[in-house]
Each structure stands twice: as C-alpha cells, then as structure tokens.
Amino acid sequence: MIRSARVDDLPLLGDIERAAGAAFDELGMAAVADADPLSVSELTRFQADGRAWVAADQADAPVAYLLVEEVDGNGHVEQVSVHPDHARQGLGRALLDAVDHWALQLGLSALTLTTYADVPWNAPYYARLGFGIVAEVDLSEGLRRIREREEASGLAAWPRVVMRRPVGGPGSGPSLPAARDRRTGTPGRDRTEFPAEASPNSRCA
C-alpha cells in the first residue's frame, strides 16, 4: 500500500536506503553503497511538508519510500529506495505514480530526477517508465545546481544523467495518498491509498 510517510516511519527509512544501496557494491561503486542515508531531521523536512511517501507491507511497516521537492516548476524526485527483499513488486513504479498525481494537483509540468546512466535499475529502468534524458544545454538553473552539488559530493564519479517525464505520463495513477499543497497549505483533495504494482529495486538519487 502506498501512503504518506508518518513521523514514526522516518527512523526506519535509513535501513531501507542502506539495504537498497548495497547492490552498488557489486558494480564496484562502493562509495555509493557506503554513503550515509539522510538523517531523520532531513527526512522530517520532507515528511512535514507532505513530500514523502512510503510503500508499506501487510503490517503497515515501510519497505520503500520516495522523497520529492519542487524545482523550477517541476516535481524533482530526490530519492527512491526499495528494500531488496521487496524488489520486483511494483513499489518503485507505484511511488512514482503517487508523486505524479501530487505534481498534477499542484499544476507542475513534469517529474525530474538525476540518476546513474549505466546502472540497470537506474536510468534504463526510468526510461521504461517514460522518462527521457535531458541534454546538458537544456537543464534549468535549479537542476544545474543539483548537478553541481552531486559533483562536489563525489556522486558524479560515475556517469549521471538528468531525466524528465511530463506529468500524467505512462503509468500515472488515478489516486494519491494525502499530500499538502505547498502554496496554499491545504491538504490535497484525494487521500485514497492504492496498492503497489511491479518494479525492480530502485535507488535513483
């Protein structure tokens, strides 16, 4: 089930990110695998603003999560992590569908993300979900700043790309967990929870 993240979910998300990141070690990307997950205080910023969702198991414990922020009029996916024990169950796809509907409610144009070009569960996976690579010359100012931060942190030691999908793109779901409009402060109208469908382990950012 996809739902908005709760405060009590936040301490559990770091373990999901560490488990998802372990696969990078097998590709010789130890720096990515060993990177520290976001702190609870950093996660709180997303959760309190209605910009964090989780996929929960039958016990309502989070097994995957997604964070998003608004960048230059688009919904920028900051992080997607799926625990490998729950891979290939459609959780990444369903989380992206949820944020797609959130972006539609806010009148945003597209979803964007940065990811590794050659990692099978990164850029090739997002391409199958309708994301296309954005050329460097077409990057907005906000996306350029994100790329600069990635380079400064060492994330760009392996080829990375910016990808974009118009809101309402392939697989976008009809319903959304509770989300809050950052501009009005009011909750999103549609609070429906919906089941997740099929996708591989994903850790995009």
C-alpha atoms as a PDB file:
ATOM      1  CA  MET A   1       0.000   0.000   0.000  1.00  0.00           C
ATOM      2  CA  ILE A   2       1.235   3.468  -0.876  1.00  0.00           C
ATOM      3  CA  ARG A   3       0.606   6.143   1.760  1.00  0.00           C
ATOM      4  CA  SER A   4       2.074   9.385   3.021  1.00  0.00           C
ATOM      5  CA  ALA A   5       5.033   8.924   5.341  1.00  0.00           C
ATOM      6  CA  ARG A   6       4.393   9.338   9.062  1.00  0.00           C
ATOM      7  CA  VAL A   7       6.776  10.606  11.711  1.00  0.00           C
ATOM      8  CA  ASP A   8       7.160   7.091  13.122  1.00  0.00           C
ATOM      9  CA  ASP A   9       8.254   5.797   9.690  1.00  0.00           C
ATOM     10  CA  LEU A  10      11.263   8.082   9.461  1.00  0.00           C
ATOM     11  CA  PRO A  11      13.746   6.167  11.684  1.00  0.00           C
ATOM     12  CA  LEU A  12      13.149   3.083   9.510  1.00  0.00           C
ATOM     13  CA  LEU A  13      13.922   4.682   6.165  1.00  0.00           C
ATOM     14  CA  GLY A  14      17.694   4.744   6.635  1.00  0.00           C
ATOM     15  CA  ASP A  15      17.782   0.947   6.833  1.00  0.00           C
ATOM     16  CA  ILE A  16      15.830   0.736   3.574  1.00  0.00           C
ATOM     17  CA  GLU A  17      18.297   3.061   1.864  1.00  0.00           C
ATOM     18  CA  ARG A  18      21.325   1.136   3.165  1.00  0.00           C
ATOM     19  CA  ALA A  19      19.858  -2.191   2.002  1.00  0.00           C
ATOM     20  CA  ALA A  20      18.980  -0.778  -1.424  1.00  0.00           C
ATOM     21  CA  GLY A  21      22.429   0.773  -1.766  1.00  0.00           C
ATOM     22  CA  ALA A  22      24.251  -2.497  -1.128  1.00  0.00           C
ATOM     23  CA  ALA A  23      23.688  -3.552  -4.754  1.00  0.00           C
ATOM     24  CA  PHE A  24      26.027  -0.776  -5.903  1.00  0.00           C
ATOM     25  CA  ASP A  25      28.914  -2.560  -4.180  1.00  0.00           C
ATOM     26  CA  GLU A  26      28.591  -5.394  -6.702  1.00  0.00           C
ATOM     27  CA  LEU A  27      29.188  -2.854  -9.501  1.00  0.00           C
ATOM     28  CA  GLY A  28      32.372  -1.530  -7.900  1.00  0.00           C
ATOM     29  CA  MET A  29      30.583   1.596  -6.680  1.00  0.00           C
ATOM     30  CA  ALA A  30      31.466   1.249  -3.019  1.00  0.00           C
ATOM     31  CA  ALA A  31      31.299   4.993  -2.401  1.00  0.00           C
ATOM     32  CA  VAL A  32      27.625   4.944  -3.360  1.00  0.00           C
ATOM     33  CA  ALA A  33      26.902   1.779  -1.394  1.00  0.00           C
ATOM     34  CA  ASP A  34      28.570   3.198   1.717  1.00  0.00           C
ATOM     35  CA  ALA A  35      27.053   6.667   1.512  1.00  0.00           C
ATOM     36  CA  ASP A  36      25.230   7.754   4.651  1.00  0.00           C
ATOM     37  CA  PRO A  37      21.444   7.844   4.309  1.00  0.00           C
ATOM     38  CA  LEU A  38      19.535  11.023   5.030  1.00  0.00           C
ATOM     39  CA  SER A  39      19.181  11.785   8.722  1.00  0.00           C
ATOM     40  CA  VAL A  40      15.827  11.740  10.470  1.00  0.00           C
ATOM     41  CA  SER A  41      15.968  15.532  10.711  1.00  0.00           C
ATOM     42  CA  GLU A  42      16.486  15.786   6.946  1.00  0.00           C
ATOM     43  CA  LEU A  43      13.659  13.323   6.302  1.00  0.00           C
ATOM     44  CA  THR A  44      11.407  15.306   8.635  1.00  0.00           C
ATOM     45  CA  ARG A  45      11.617  18.295   6.308  1.00  0.00           C
ATOM     46  CA  PHE A  46      10.058  16.245   3.506  1.00  0.00           C
ATOM     47  CA  GLN A  47       7.528  14.470   5.705  1.00  0.00           C
ATOM     48  CA  ALA A  48       6.268  17.620   7.421  1.00  0.00           C
ATOM     49  CA  ASP A  49       5.747  19.303   4.056  1.00  0.00           C
ATOM     50  CA  GLY A  50       3.763  16.381   2.594  1.00  0.00           C
ATOM     51  CA  ARG A  51       6.536  15.392   0.182  1.00  0.00           C
ATOM     52  CA  ALA A  52       7.376  11.883   1.403  1.00  0.00           C
ATOM     53  CA  TRP A  53       5.577   8.642   0.617  1.00  0.00           C
ATOM     54  CA  VAL A  54       6.165   5.047   1.631  1.00  0.00           C
ATOM     55  CA  ALA A  55       5.147   1.646   0.364  1.00  0.00           C
ATOM     56  CA  ALA A  56       4.013  -0.329   3.401  1.00  0.00           C
ATOM     57  CA  ASP A  57       3.829  -4.088   3.867  1.00  0.00           C
ATOM     58  CA  GLN A  58       0.887  -6.004   5.351  1.00  0.00           C
ATOM     59  CA  ALA A  59       1.992  -4.960   8.843  1.00  0.00           C
ATOM     60  CA  ASP A  60       1.978  -1.309   7.701  1.00  0.00           C
ATOM     61  CA  ALA A  61       5.781  -1.093   8.017  1.00  0.00           C
ATOM     62  CA  PRO A  62       7.599   0.870   5.281  1.00  0.00           C
ATOM     63  CA  VAL A  63       9.587  -1.210   2.776  1.00  0.00           C
ATOM     64  CA  ALA A  64      10.190   1.517   0.188  1.00  0.00           C
ATOM     65  CA  TYR A  65       9.986   5.282   0.090  1.00  0.00           C
ATOM     66  CA  LEU A  66      10.143   8.308  -2.167  1.00  0.00           C
ATOM     67  CA  LEU A  67      11.033  11.956  -1.475  1.00  0.00           C
ATOM     68  CA  VAL A  68      10.238  14.848  -3.787  1.00  0.00           C
ATOM     69  CA  GLU A  69      10.839  18.578  -3.902  1.00  0.00           C
ATOM     70  CA  GLU A  70       9.712  21.343  -6.230  1.00  0.00           C
ATOM     71  CA  VAL A  71      12.473  22.568  -8.569  1.00  0.00           C
ATOM     72  CA  ASP A  72      11.810  25.141 -11.285  1.00  0.00           C
ATOM     73  CA  GLY A  73       8.145  24.269 -11.614  1.00  0.00           C
ATOM     74  CA  ASN A  74       8.691  20.511 -11.697  1.00  0.00           C
ATOM     75  CA  GLY A  75       8.482  17.759  -9.108  1.00  0.00           C
ATOM     76  CA  HIS A  76      12.085  16.635  -8.588  1.00  0.00           C
ATOM     77  CA  VAL A  77      12.427  13.110  -7.202  1.00  0.00           C
ATOM     78  CA  GLU A  78      15.145  13.431  -4.590  1.00  0.00           C
ATOM     79  CA  GLN A  79      15.240   9.768  -3.529  1.00  0.00           C
ATOM     80  CA  VAL A  80      13.601   6.445  -4.324  1.00  0.00           C
ATOM     81  CA  SER A  81      14.669   3.424  -2.300  1.00  0.00           C
ATOM     82  CA  VAL A  82      13.123  -0.050  -2.316  1.00  0.00           C
ATOM     83  CA  HIS A  83      14.306  -2.715   0.102  1.00  0.00           C
ATOM     84  CA  PRO A  84      15.726  -5.619  -1.958  1.00  0.00           C
ATOM     85  CA  ASP A  85      13.514  -8.097  -0.072  1.00  0.00           C
ATOM     86  CA  HIS A  86      10.557  -6.353  -1.717  1.00  0.00           C
ATOM     87  CA  ALA A  87      12.012  -5.804  -5.210  1.00  0.00           C
ATOM     88  CA  ARG A  88      10.045  -6.602  -8.366  1.00  0.00           C
ATOM     89  CA  GLN A  89       6.699  -5.939  -6.704  1.00  0.00           C
ATOM     90  CA  GLY A  90       5.982  -2.641  -8.459  1.00  0.00           C
ATOM     91  CA  LEU A  91       6.800  -0.442  -5.488  1.00  0.00           C
ATOM     92  CA  GLY A  92       9.068   1.992  -7.320  1.00  0.00           C
ATOM     93  CA  ARG A  93       6.535   2.388 -10.120  1.00  0.00           C
ATOM     94  CA  ALA A  94       3.654   2.894  -7.690  1.00  0.00           C
ATOM     95  CA  LEU A  95       5.567   5.509  -5.696  1.00  0.00           C
ATOM     96  CA  LEU A  96       6.322   7.417  -8.893  1.00  0.00           C
ATOM     97  CA  ASP A  97       2.635   7.215  -9.844  1.00  0.00           C
ATOM     98  CA  ALA A  98       1.756   8.753  -6.477  1.00  0.00           C
ATOM     99  CA  VAL A  99       4.139  11.671  -6.897  1.00  0.00           C
ATOM    100  CA  ASP A 100       2.924  12.133 -10.473  1.00  0.00           C
ATOM    101  CA  HIS A 101      -0.599  12.737  -9.180  1.00  0.00           C
ATOM    102  CA  TRP A 102       0.737  15.045  -6.442  1.00  0.00           C
ATOM    103  CA  ALA A 103       2.505  17.084  -9.133  1.00  0.00           C
ATOM    104  CA  LEU A 104      -0.682  17.203 -11.202  1.00  0.00           C
ATOM    105  CA  GLN A 105      -2.612  18.582  -8.226  1.00  0.00           C
ATOM    106  CA  LEU A 106      -0.042  21.349  -7.821  1.00  0.00           C
ATOM    107  CA  GLY A 107      -0.026  22.226 -11.510  1.00  0.00           C
ATOM    108  CA  LEU A 108       3.595  21.171 -12.011  1.00  0.00           C
ATOM    109  CA  SER A 109       4.776  20.387 -15.522  1.00  0.00           C
ATOM    110  CA  ALA A 110       6.943  17.305 -15.138  1.00  0.00           C
ATOM    111  CA  LEU A 111       8.821  14.943 -12.880  1.00  0.00           C
ATOM    112  CA  THR A 112      12.605  15.134 -12.943  1.00  0.00           C
ATOM    113  CA  LEU A 113      15.391  13.140 -11.320  1.00  0.00           C
ATOM    114  CA  THR A 114      19.125  12.568 -11.525  1.00  0.00           C
ATOM    115  CA  THR A 115      20.425   9.037 -11.714  1.00  0.00           C
ATOM    116  CA  TYR A 116      23.276   6.806 -12.895  1.00  0.00           C
ATOM    117  CA  ALA A 117      23.353   6.349 -16.651  1.00  0.00           C
ATOM    118  CA  ASP A 118      24.717   2.803 -16.735  1.00  0.00           C
ATOM    119  CA  VAL A 119      23.204   1.150 -13.645  1.00  0.00           C
ATOM    120  CA  PRO A 120      20.441  -1.229 -14.822  1.00  0.00           C
ATOM    121  CA  TRP A 121      17.977  -0.241 -12.104  1.00  0.00           C
ATOM    122  CA  ASN A 122      18.657   3.463 -12.611  1.00  0.00           C
ATOM    123  CA  ALA A 123      18.443   5.248 -15.995  1.00  0.00           C
ATOM    124  CA  PRO A 124      17.375   2.196 -18.071  1.00  0.00           C
ATOM    125  CA  TYR A 125      14.596   1.476 -15.545  1.00  0.00           C
ATOM    126  CA  TYR A 126      13.316   5.058 -15.567  1.00  0.00           C
ATOM    127  CA  ALA A 127      13.411   5.073 -19.372  1.00  0.00           C
ATOM    128  CA  ARG A 128      10.982   2.141 -19.331  1.00  0.00           C
ATOM    129  CA  LEU A 129       8.685   4.259 -17.162  1.00  0.00           C
ATOM    130  CA  GLY A 130       8.609   7.079 -19.691  1.00  0.00           C
ATOM    131  CA  PHE A 131      11.493   9.277 -18.512  1.00  0.00           C
ATOM    132  CA  GLY A 132      13.795  10.776 -21.125  1.00  0.00           C
ATOM    133  CA  ILE A 133      17.325  12.126 -20.724  1.00  0.00           C
ATOM    134  CA  VAL A 134      17.608  15.914 -20.584  1.00  0.00           C
ATOM    135  CA  ALA A 135      20.543  17.353 -22.513  1.00  0.00           C
ATOM    136  CA  GLU A 136      23.013  19.430 -20.511  1.00  0.00           C
ATOM    137  CA  VAL A 137      22.200  22.531 -22.565  1.00  0.00           C
ATOM    138  CA  ASP A 138      18.524  22.194 -21.620  1.00  0.00           C
ATOM    139  CA  LEU A 139      18.986  21.973 -17.850  1.00  0.00           C
ATOM    140  CA  SER A 140      17.181  24.567 -15.772  1.00  0.00           C
ATOM    141  CA  GLU A 141      19.101  26.621 -13.228  1.00  0.00           C
ATOM    142  CA  GLY A 142      17.803  24.517 -10.337  1.00  0.00           C
ATOM    143  CA  LEU A 143      18.818  21.255 -11.994  1.00  0.00           C
ATOM    144  CA  ARG A 144      22.271  22.665 -12.730  1.00  0.00           C
ATOM    145  CA  ARG A 145      22.698  23.453  -9.041  1.00  0.00           C
ATOM    146  CA  ILE A 146      21.673  19.899  -8.142  1.00  0.00           C
ATOM    147  CA  ARG A 147      24.263  18.511 -10.551  1.00  0.00           C
ATOM    148  CA  GLU A 148      26.912  20.784  -9.057  1.00  0.00           C
ATOM    149  CA  ARG A 149      26.114  19.523  -5.551  1.00  0.00           C
ATOM    150  CA  GLU A 150      26.374  15.938  -6.766  1.00  0.00           C
ATOM    151  CA  GLU A 151      29.786  16.601  -8.290  1.00  0.00           C
ATOM    152  CA  ALA A 152      31.001  18.262  -5.099  1.00  0.00           C
ATOM    153  CA  SER A 153      29.828  15.287  -3.019  1.00  0.00           C
ATOM    154  CA  GLY A 154      31.543  12.712  -5.238  1.00  0.00           C
ATOM    155  CA  LEU A 155      28.286  11.219  -6.550  1.00  0.00           C
ATOM    156  CA  ALA A 156      29.294  12.077 -10.102  1.00  0.00           C
ATOM    157  CA  ALA A 157      32.378   9.834 -10.104  1.00  0.00           C
ATOM    158  CA  TRP A 158      30.277   7.600 -12.388  1.00  0.00           C
ATOM    159  CA  PRO A 159      28.216   8.957 -15.308  1.00  0.00           C
ATOM    160  CA  ARG A 160      24.947  10.538 -14.204  1.00  0.00           C
ATOM    161  CA  VAL A 161      22.075  11.969 -16.214  1.00  0.00           C
ATOM    162  CA  VAL A 162      19.070  14.164 -15.607  1.00  0.00           C
ATOM    163  CA  MET A 163      15.778  12.609 -16.692  1.00  0.00           C
ATOM    164  CA  ARG A 164      12.322  14.096 -17.171  1.00  0.00           C
ATOM    165  CA  ARG A 165       8.782  12.795 -17.666  1.00  0.00           C
ATOM    166  CA  PRO A 166       5.753  15.013 -18.290  1.00  0.00           C
ATOM    167  CA  VAL A 167       3.168  14.878 -15.526  1.00  0.00           C
ATOM    168  CA  GLY A 168       0.449  12.412 -16.471  1.00  0.00           C
ATOM    169  CA  GLY A 169       2.985  10.253 -18.301  1.00  0.00           C
ATOM    170  CA  PRO A 170       2.964   6.452 -18.675  1.00  0.00           C
ATOM    171  CA  GLY A 171       1.675   4.603 -15.634  1.00  0.00           C
ATOM    172  CA  SER A 172       0.416   7.668 -13.773  1.00  0.00           C
ATOM    173  CA  GLY A 173      -2.124   6.550 -11.192  1.00  0.00           C
ATOM    174  CA  PRO A 174      -5.628   7.954 -10.710  1.00  0.00           C
ATOM    175  CA  SER A 175      -5.368   8.453  -6.965  1.00  0.00           C
ATOM    176  CA  LEU A 176      -2.980   9.895  -4.399  1.00  0.00           C
ATOM    177  CA  PRO A 177      -2.181   9.495  -0.718  1.00  0.00           C
ATOM    178  CA  ALA A 178      -2.532  12.605   1.411  1.00  0.00           C
ATOM    179  CA  ALA A 179      -0.341  15.441   0.177  1.00  0.00           C
ATOM    180  CA  ARG A 180      -0.140  19.098   1.082  1.00  0.00           C
ATOM    181  CA  ASP A 181      -0.161  21.994  -1.365  1.00  0.00           C
ATOM    182  CA  ARG A 182       2.973  23.977  -0.531  1.00  0.00           C
ATOM    183  CA  ARG A 183       1.499  27.167  -1.960  1.00  0.00           C
ATOM    184  CA  THR A 184      -1.874  27.153  -0.134  1.00  0.00           C
ATOM    185  CA  GLY A 185      -1.018  24.992   2.894  1.00  0.00           C
ATOM    186  CA  THR A 186      -4.139  22.921   2.292  1.00  0.00           C
ATOM    187  CA  PRO A 187      -4.203  19.127   2.018  1.00  0.00           C
ATOM    188  CA  GLY A 188      -4.575  17.537  -1.395  1.00  0.00           C
ATOM    189  CA  ARG A 189      -8.163  16.605  -2.179  1.00  0.00           C
ATOM    190  CA  ASP A 190      -7.575  12.928  -2.921  1.00  0.00           C
ATOM    191  CA  ARG A 191      -6.411  10.907   0.094  1.00  0.00           C
ATOM    192  CA  THR A 192      -7.076   7.476  -1.392  1.00  0.00           C
ATOM    193  CA  GLU A 193      -4.482   4.762  -0.718  1.00  0.00           C
ATOM    194  CA  PHE A 194      -3.826   2.283  -3.508  1.00  0.00           C
ATOM    195  CA  PRO A 195      -1.907  -0.976  -3.891  1.00  0.00           C
ATOM    196  CA  ALA A 196       1.549  -1.098  -5.475  1.00  0.00           C
ATOM    197  CA  GLU A 197       2.258  -2.999  -8.711  1.00  0.00           C
ATOM    198  CA  ALA A 198       5.637  -4.342 -10.347  1.00  0.00           C
ATOM    199  CA  SER A 199       9.235  -2.915 -10.433  1.00  0.00           C
ATOM    200  CA  PRO A 200      12.838  -3.701  -9.558  1.00  0.00           C
ATOM    201  CA  ASN A 201      14.821  -2.459  -6.619  1.00  0.00           C
ATOM    202  CA  SER A 202      15.451   1.235  -7.160  1.00  0.00           C
ATOM    203  CA  ARG A 203      17.709   3.850  -5.632  1.00  0.00           C
ATOM    204  CA  CYS A 204      17.816   6.779  -8.002  1.00  0.00           C
ATOM    205  CA  ALA A 205      19.478   9.638  -6.162  1.00  0.00           C
END
